[in-house]
Amino acid sequence: MRMRLVEQPPQETRAFTENDLTGRLDESDVETIREIFNTPLTGSYNWDYDSANAKIRRLYELGKRHNWNATLDVDWEMSVDYNDYPMDPATNPFNGYHEYEALPEAEKIRFAWKAHAQTVAQFLHGEQGAMLVASQLVSCAPTADAKLYAASQTFDEARHVEAFNMYLRKHCGQLYRINPNLKALIDKVLEDPRWDLKFIGMQLIIEGLALAAFGTMTQTTRDNLLRQVVELVMRDEGRHVAFGVNYLEDWIKTLPEQEIEDRAEFAYQASLIMRDRLFGMDVAAEYGFDVDAAREHILKSHVTAIFQHLLFERLIPNFKRVGLLTEKVRAKYDAIGALQYEHAAGDILIDWQKLDEPLPVKGVFAAE
């Protein structure tokens, strides 16, 4: 196996061939591309092994009970119509944009599938970041309950990486680069030495982003296979966010005021990035569109409004519950129209019944 170290993620789009040779390759044929990051992670042992948080232990038990297998439980033979749009055309963020509207209908469909692959690639890259951060939390989380849950979450995230990678290989044939702003956010969380900022960055912000993006996808996609994958992943992510909110609620209030403000400002800046700067423009650039004008058009689209609503509906009440909606940042959220969500339910009140419902796996579909 050849190892290639890089200073940044590959920028080119990778195409998967129809005849995947993976099964016929040996180690000399494979090149692994690695990018190094360094972190001053401070780990800890926990020697009492006591379970002090009943909610976290219950979430851990749910995770054990609802483990799904990406290879066996997803109906990978489900048909996909490449001659139709992958999402409801009425929700296409490029509707009305002159350069897109000038394309022939067949080219619009090809454009839509490329844009679809670009979106799912961000799911894949984000899940790898979540896997890496969760693995750090196993070492640096201070209690036995949190270490156990972080270990189970690491396995969840590995399953998500596997599932989205399989989907892209089997049904999209392309892998787009990670959005630079998403990469910067993950890097910040990975490289910060504070364990609680890792909790805030991953369990509240990045997982909250994932749930908003997945919720948007389930509302707009026509691809039942992707909907199945996303619904399975969402069940896991719902537990992850509930873990973070419940665990951080008691911790944040013990910090000095300035440290709370630092974390509140980090959460606000991350929210701005997610609201405006995570829309990939690689496909628009491929087609020669004016990228800046296309981005401005997307930000005003209906699907963006859905995403932003789902994002702040989850983030703001969670921030408020754990103490990150401070007086200093309230005005900033109000200025971007996000403060209206502060009284939403958030994730502190866990819907145990929903989390324990049967998973939408292939066997359940067959029985129905």
Protein backbone atom coordinates (compact mmCIF):
# COMPACT_ATOMS: atom_id res chain seq x y z
CA MET A 1 0.00 0.00 0.00
CA ARG A 2 1.34 3.42 -0.99
CA MET A 3 0.87 6.35 1.38
CA ARG A 4 0.66 9.90 0.03
CA LEU A 5 0.70 12.79 2.49
CA VAL A 6 -1.04 15.97 1.38
CA GLU A 7 -1.22 19.48 2.82
CA GLN A 8 -4.92 19.87 2.01
CA PRO A 9 -7.79 17.67 0.79
CA PRO A 10 -7.69 16.67 -2.91
CA GLN A 11 -9.42 19.35 -4.96
CA GLU A 12 -10.29 17.29 -8.01
CA THR A 13 -13.55 15.39 -8.40
CA ARG A 14 -13.02 11.64 -8.35
CA ALA A 15 -14.98 9.43 -10.74
CA PHE A 16 -15.84 5.84 -9.88
CA THR A 17 -15.87 3.45 -12.82
CA GLU A 18 -18.80 1.16 -13.54
CA ASN A 19 -16.55 -1.89 -13.17
CA ASP A 20 -15.25 -1.36 -9.65
CA LEU A 21 -11.89 -3.12 -9.39
CA THR A 22 -11.66 -2.92 -5.59
CA GLY A 23 -12.10 -6.64 -5.14
CA ARG A 24 -9.24 -7.41 -7.53
CA LEU A 25 -6.66 -5.03 -6.12
CA ASP A 26 -3.79 -5.96 -3.84
CA GLU A 27 -1.85 -3.68 -1.50
CA SER A 28 0.59 -2.60 -4.19
CA ASP A 29 -2.28 -1.18 -6.28
CA VAL A 30 -3.81 0.96 -3.53
CA GLU A 31 -2.81 4.51 -2.69
CA THR A 32 -4.01 5.99 0.60
CA ILE A 33 -4.19 9.78 0.71
CA ARG A 34 -3.61 11.19 4.18
CA GLU A 35 -3.67 14.70 5.57
CA ILE A 36 -2.07 15.14 8.99
CA PHE A 37 -3.63 17.16 11.79
CA ASN A 38 -2.09 17.66 15.23
CA THR A 39 -3.96 18.14 18.48
CA PRO A 40 -2.84 18.70 22.08
CA LEU A 41 -5.43 16.21 23.30
CA THR A 42 -5.45 15.63 27.05
CA GLY A 43 -6.89 12.21 27.80
CA SER A 44 -7.96 10.73 31.10
CA TYR A 45 -8.58 7.38 32.72
CA ASN A 46 -11.75 6.87 34.72
CA TRP A 47 -11.22 4.43 37.57
CA ASP A 48 -14.60 4.27 39.28
CA TYR A 49 -16.59 2.91 36.30
CA ASP A 50 -19.78 4.17 37.94
CA SER A 51 -22.88 5.09 35.97
CA ALA A 52 -23.92 8.47 37.33
CA ASN A 53 -26.07 9.76 34.45
CA ALA A 54 -29.16 7.68 33.78
CA LYS A 55 -30.05 9.53 30.57
CA ILE A 56 -26.62 8.98 29.02
CA ARG A 57 -26.65 5.30 29.97
CA ARG A 58 -30.14 4.93 28.47
CA LEU A 59 -28.97 6.55 25.21
CA TYR A 60 -26.04 4.12 25.22
CA GLU A 61 -28.43 1.18 25.64
CA LEU A 62 -30.57 2.44 22.75
CA GLY A 63 -27.46 2.65 20.59
CA LYS A 64 -26.63 -0.97 21.34
CA ARG A 65 -30.17 -2.10 20.60
CA HIS A 66 -30.54 -0.19 17.35
CA ASN A 67 -27.25 -0.96 15.64
CA TRP A 68 -27.87 -1.41 11.92
CA ASN A 69 -25.63 -2.93 9.28
CA ALA A 70 -24.98 -0.77 6.22
CA THR A 71 -24.23 -3.83 4.09
CA LEU A 72 -27.24 -5.95 5.06
CA ASP A 73 -29.96 -3.59 6.25
CA VAL A 74 -30.02 -1.10 3.36
CA ASP A 75 -31.84 -2.16 0.19
CA TRP A 76 -28.99 -1.44 -2.22
CA GLU A 77 -30.92 -3.12 -5.07
CA MET A 78 -33.63 -0.47 -4.90
CA SER A 79 -34.08 1.05 -8.35
CA VAL A 80 -32.84 4.57 -9.09
CA ASP A 81 -34.12 6.52 -12.11
CA TYR A 82 -31.25 8.55 -13.56
CA ASN A 83 -33.53 9.97 -16.25
CA ASP A 84 -35.44 11.91 -13.61
CA TYR A 85 -34.38 14.50 -11.08
CA PRO A 86 -33.00 13.12 -7.79
CA MET A 87 -35.00 15.70 -5.84
CA ASP A 88 -38.34 17.41 -6.33
CA PRO A 89 -37.68 19.89 -9.19
CA ALA A 90 -39.84 22.47 -7.42
CA THR A 91 -37.25 22.67 -4.64
CA ASN A 92 -34.21 22.98 -6.94
CA PRO A 93 -32.22 25.97 -5.62
CA PHE A 94 -31.14 26.86 -9.20
CA ASN A 95 -34.72 27.35 -10.42
CA GLY A 96 -34.97 30.77 -12.05
CA TYR A 97 -31.21 31.22 -12.34
CA HIS A 98 -30.60 32.26 -15.96
CA GLU A 99 -27.49 30.15 -16.66
CA TYR A 100 -29.22 27.03 -15.33
CA GLU A 101 -32.49 27.74 -17.14
CA ALA A 102 -30.58 27.99 -20.44
CA LEU A 103 -29.60 24.31 -20.20
CA PRO A 104 -31.57 21.68 -22.18
CA GLU A 105 -33.85 19.50 -20.03
CA ALA A 106 -31.61 16.42 -20.24
CA GLU A 107 -28.61 18.53 -19.17
CA LYS A 108 -30.59 19.96 -16.27
CA ILE A 109 -31.13 16.39 -15.02
CA ARG A 110 -27.41 15.61 -15.35
CA PHE A 111 -26.62 18.85 -13.53
CA ALA A 112 -29.06 17.88 -10.77
CA TRP A 113 -27.40 14.47 -10.26
CA LYS A 114 -23.97 16.08 -10.08
CA ALA A 115 -25.24 18.60 -7.53
CA HIS A 116 -26.84 15.72 -5.65
CA ALA A 117 -23.51 13.86 -5.57
CA GLN A 118 -21.80 17.02 -4.34
CA THR A 119 -24.28 17.27 -1.44
CA VAL A 120 -23.97 13.62 -0.44
CA ALA A 121 -20.16 13.95 -0.59
CA GLN A 122 -20.42 16.59 2.15
CA PHE A 123 -22.42 14.10 4.21
CA LEU A 124 -19.60 11.59 3.75
CA HIS A 125 -16.81 14.05 4.60
CA GLY A 126 -18.73 15.37 7.59
CA GLU A 127 -19.29 11.87 8.95
CA GLN A 128 -15.55 11.15 8.74
CA GLY A 129 -14.96 14.31 10.78
CA ALA A 130 -17.59 13.18 13.29
CA MET A 131 -15.91 9.78 13.56
CA LEU A 132 -12.53 11.38 14.31
CA VAL A 133 -13.95 13.75 16.93
CA ALA A 134 -15.98 10.98 18.60
CA SER A 135 -12.82 8.90 18.86
CA GLN A 136 -11.14 11.82 20.64
CA LEU A 137 -14.03 12.09 23.08
CA VAL A 138 -13.43 8.49 24.19
CA SER A 139 -10.07 9.64 25.57
CA CYS A 140 -10.90 13.10 26.88
CA ALA A 141 -14.49 12.79 28.18
CA PRO A 142 -14.28 12.98 31.98
CA THR A 143 -16.83 10.34 33.07
CA ALA A 144 -17.33 6.63 32.48
CA ASP A 145 -20.80 7.14 30.98
CA ALA A 146 -19.50 9.68 28.47
CA LYS A 147 -16.58 7.47 27.45
CA LEU A 148 -18.89 4.51 26.81
CA TYR A 149 -21.29 6.62 24.78
CA ALA A 150 -18.48 8.25 22.78
CA ALA A 151 -17.16 4.78 21.94
CA SER A 152 -20.58 3.72 20.66
CA GLN A 153 -20.90 6.96 18.70
CA THR A 154 -17.54 6.32 17.04
CA PHE A 155 -18.96 3.06 15.68
CA ASP A 156 -22.14 4.87 14.58
CA GLU A 157 -20.09 7.40 12.64
CA ALA A 158 -18.01 4.65 11.02
CA ARG A 159 -21.26 3.06 9.81
CA HIS A 160 -22.38 6.41 8.39
CA VAL A 161 -19.09 6.82 6.51
CA GLU A 162 -19.52 3.32 5.09
CA ALA A 163 -23.14 3.90 4.03
CA PHE A 164 -22.59 7.24 2.27
CA ASN A 165 -19.43 5.94 0.59
CA MET A 166 -21.37 2.92 -0.74
CA TYR A 167 -24.16 5.18 -1.98
CA LEU A 168 -21.78 7.50 -3.84
CA ARG A 169 -19.90 4.60 -5.41
CA LYS A 170 -22.97 2.61 -6.43
CA HIS A 171 -25.37 5.36 -7.44
CA CYS A 172 -23.53 8.62 -8.15
CA GLY A 173 -20.17 7.53 -9.54
CA GLN A 174 -18.41 10.69 -8.35
CA LEU A 175 -16.79 12.02 -5.20
CA TYR A 176 -16.54 15.79 -4.79
CA ARG A 177 -14.08 17.55 -2.49
CA ILE A 178 -14.99 18.65 1.03
CA ASN A 179 -16.39 22.16 1.32
CA PRO A 180 -13.48 24.32 2.62
CA ASN A 181 -15.65 25.92 5.31
CA LEU A 182 -16.87 22.56 6.59
CA LYS A 183 -13.23 21.40 6.64
CA ALA A 184 -12.21 24.50 8.66
CA LEU A 185 -14.96 23.87 11.19
CA ILE A 186 -14.00 20.21 11.64
CA ASP A 187 -10.31 21.16 11.92
CA LYS A 188 -11.14 23.66 14.67
CA VAL A 189 -12.99 21.04 16.68
CA LEU A 190 -10.33 18.37 16.16
CA GLU A 191 -7.39 20.60 17.02
CA ASP A 192 -8.84 22.42 20.04
CA PRO A 193 -7.51 21.02 23.34
CA ARG A 194 -10.72 21.66 25.33
CA TRP A 195 -12.89 18.57 25.66
CA ASP A 196 -16.07 20.58 26.21
CA LEU A 197 -15.50 22.58 23.01
CA LYS A 198 -15.28 19.27 21.18
CA PHE A 199 -18.68 18.42 22.68
CA ILE A 200 -20.08 21.80 21.65
CA GLY A 201 -18.56 21.66 18.17
CA MET A 202 -19.50 18.08 17.40
CA GLN A 203 -22.57 17.09 19.44
CA LEU A 204 -24.41 20.39 19.14
CA ILE A 205 -23.14 22.17 16.04
CA ILE A 206 -21.91 19.64 13.48
CA GLU A 207 -24.51 17.01 14.44
CA GLY A 208 -27.17 19.73 14.46
CA LEU A 209 -26.03 20.73 10.97
CA ALA A 210 -26.25 17.11 9.87
CA LEU A 211 -29.80 16.73 11.16
CA ALA A 212 -30.88 19.93 9.40
CA ALA A 213 -29.28 18.79 6.12
CA PHE A 214 -30.75 15.30 6.44
CA GLY A 215 -34.17 16.71 7.29
CA THR A 216 -34.01 18.89 4.18
CA MET A 217 -33.01 15.86 2.11
CA THR A 218 -35.90 13.71 3.33
CA GLN A 219 -38.32 16.50 2.40
CA THR A 220 -36.95 17.04 -1.11
CA THR A 221 -35.45 13.79 -2.43
CA ARG A 222 -37.16 11.46 -4.91
CA ASP A 223 -34.55 8.77 -4.29
CA ASN A 224 -36.07 6.24 -1.90
CA LEU A 225 -32.72 4.52 -1.43
CA LEU A 226 -31.07 7.69 -0.16
CA ARG A 227 -34.12 8.42 1.98
CA GLN A 228 -33.69 5.03 3.66
CA VAL A 229 -29.99 5.66 4.35
CA VAL A 230 -30.66 9.17 5.67
CA GLU A 231 -33.49 8.05 7.95
CA LEU A 232 -31.26 5.37 9.47
CA VAL A 233 -28.47 7.89 10.01
CA MET A 234 -30.87 10.45 11.51
CA ARG A 235 -31.92 8.00 14.21
CA ASP A 236 -28.29 7.73 15.32
CA GLU A 237 -27.67 11.47 15.07
CA GLY A 238 -30.74 12.23 17.19
CA ARG A 239 -29.17 10.25 20.04
CA HIS A 240 -25.83 12.01 19.55
CA VAL A 241 -27.29 15.51 19.85
CA ALA A 242 -29.37 14.50 22.89
CA PHE A 243 -26.16 13.17 24.48
CA GLY A 244 -24.33 16.44 23.93
CA VAL A 245 -27.14 18.68 25.20
CA ASN A 246 -27.78 16.64 28.34
CA TYR A 247 -24.09 16.26 29.13
CA LEU A 248 -23.16 19.92 28.61
CA GLU A 249 -26.11 21.40 30.48
CA ASP A 250 -24.53 21.00 33.94
CA TRP A 251 -20.93 21.56 32.83
CA ILE A 252 -21.16 24.95 31.10
CA LYS A 253 -22.67 26.70 34.13
CA THR A 254 -19.58 25.83 36.21
CA LEU A 255 -17.20 27.76 33.92
CA PRO A 256 -16.01 31.34 34.51
CA GLU A 257 -18.04 33.97 32.65
CA GLN A 258 -15.34 34.75 30.09
CA GLU A 259 -14.89 31.09 29.20
CA ILE A 260 -18.64 30.79 28.65
CA GLU A 261 -18.55 33.86 26.42
CA ASP A 262 -15.67 32.40 24.41
CA ARG A 263 -17.67 29.24 23.77
CA ALA A 264 -20.85 31.21 23.00
CA GLU A 265 -18.97 33.29 20.42
CA PHE A 266 -17.51 30.12 18.86
CA ALA A 267 -21.02 28.66 18.57
CA TYR A 268 -22.30 31.86 16.96
CA GLN A 269 -19.46 32.06 14.41
CA ALA A 270 -19.93 28.38 13.52
CA SER A 271 -23.66 29.00 13.05
CA LEU A 272 -22.92 31.81 10.59
CA ILE A 273 -20.61 29.55 8.58
CA MET A 274 -23.24 26.83 8.41
CA ARG A 275 -26.00 29.22 7.45
CA ASP A 276 -24.25 30.88 4.51
CA ARG A 277 -21.05 29.13 3.45
CA LEU A 278 -21.66 25.40 3.23
CA PHE A 279 -23.32 25.43 -0.18
CA GLY A 280 -20.94 23.76 -2.62
CA MET A 281 -20.37 25.54 -5.92
CA ASP A 282 -18.15 22.98 -7.66
CA VAL A 283 -20.85 21.84 -10.08
CA ALA A 284 -21.78 25.43 -10.93
CA ALA A 285 -18.10 26.07 -11.67
CA GLU A 286 -17.95 22.93 -13.86
CA TYR A 287 -20.72 24.38 -16.00
CA GLY A 288 -19.04 27.77 -16.23
CA PHE A 289 -21.62 29.61 -14.13
CA ASP A 290 -20.82 32.89 -12.41
CA VAL A 291 -20.14 31.30 -9.01
CA ASP A 292 -20.74 34.40 -6.88
CA ALA A 293 -24.02 35.19 -8.59
CA ALA A 294 -25.11 31.53 -8.37
CA ARG A 295 -24.34 31.46 -4.64
CA GLU A 296 -26.42 34.60 -4.05
CA HIS A 297 -29.29 32.99 -5.96
CA ILE A 298 -29.08 29.78 -3.89
CA LEU A 299 -29.13 31.69 -0.60
CA LYS A 300 -32.52 33.15 -1.59
CA SER A 301 -34.02 29.80 -2.64
CA HIS A 302 -36.85 27.85 -1.01
CA VAL A 303 -34.67 24.83 -0.18
CA THR A 304 -32.17 27.10 1.60
CA ALA A 305 -35.02 28.54 3.66
CA ILE A 306 -36.03 24.99 4.66
CA PHE A 307 -32.46 24.16 5.66
CA GLN A 308 -31.96 27.33 7.68
CA HIS A 309 -35.27 26.84 9.48
CA LEU A 310 -34.39 23.26 10.44
CA LEU A 311 -30.87 24.34 11.45
CA PHE A 312 -31.79 27.17 13.83
CA GLU A 313 -34.91 25.43 15.12
CA ARG A 314 -32.53 22.85 16.56
CA LEU A 315 -29.43 24.90 17.40
CA ILE A 316 -30.87 27.92 19.20
CA PRO A 317 -32.90 26.11 21.90
CA ASN A 318 -29.99 23.73 22.45
CA PHE A 319 -27.59 26.67 22.87
CA LYS A 320 -30.02 28.28 25.29
CA ARG A 321 -30.42 25.13 27.34
CA VAL A 322 -26.70 24.57 27.84
CA GLY A 323 -25.97 28.27 28.55
CA LEU A 324 -24.48 29.44 25.24
CA LEU A 325 -27.24 31.93 24.38
CA THR A 326 -25.66 34.67 26.48
CA GLU A 327 -26.70 38.31 26.56
CA LYS A 328 -23.68 39.25 24.44
CA VAL A 329 -24.62 36.93 21.55
CA ARG A 330 -28.42 37.25 21.74
CA ALA A 331 -28.40 40.46 19.72
CA LYS A 332 -26.23 38.81 17.05
CA TYR A 333 -28.67 35.93 16.64
CA ASP A 334 -31.57 38.40 16.60
CA ALA A 335 -29.89 40.31 13.77
CA ILE A 336 -29.86 37.20 11.56
CA GLY A 337 -33.44 36.22 12.46
CA ALA A 338 -32.47 33.17 14.51
CA LEU A 339 -33.63 34.28 17.95
CA GLN A 340 -37.24 33.46 17.05
CA TYR A 341 -36.40 29.80 17.65
CA GLU A 342 -35.23 30.14 21.28
CA HIS A 343 -38.47 28.69 22.67
CA ALA A 344 -38.54 25.67 20.33
CA ALA A 345 -38.29 22.23 21.91
CA GLY A 346 -34.67 21.45 21.04
CA ASP A 347 -33.18 18.15 22.17
CA ILE A 348 -33.14 18.35 25.96
CA LEU A 349 -36.54 16.63 26.19
CA ILE A 350 -35.67 13.30 24.63
CA ASP A 351 -38.43 11.53 22.72
CA TRP A 352 -37.57 8.05 24.02
CA GLN A 353 -40.48 6.42 22.22
CA LYS A 354 -39.38 7.79 18.85
CA LEU A 355 -35.76 6.74 19.41
CA ASP A 356 -36.93 3.23 20.24
CA GLU A 357 -39.18 2.77 17.18
CA PRO A 358 -38.29 -0.06 14.74
CA LEU A 359 -35.57 0.95 12.31
CA PRO A 360 -36.50 1.43 8.61
CA VAL A 361 -34.26 -1.43 7.51
CA LYS A 362 -34.61 -3.71 4.49
CA GLY A 363 -36.19 -6.54 6.51
CA VAL A 364 -38.92 -4.24 7.83
CA PHE A 365 -39.71 -3.06 4.30
CA ALA A 366 -39.93 -6.66 3.11
CA ALA A 367 -42.30 -7.58 5.94
CA GLU A 368 -44.53 -4.63 5.12
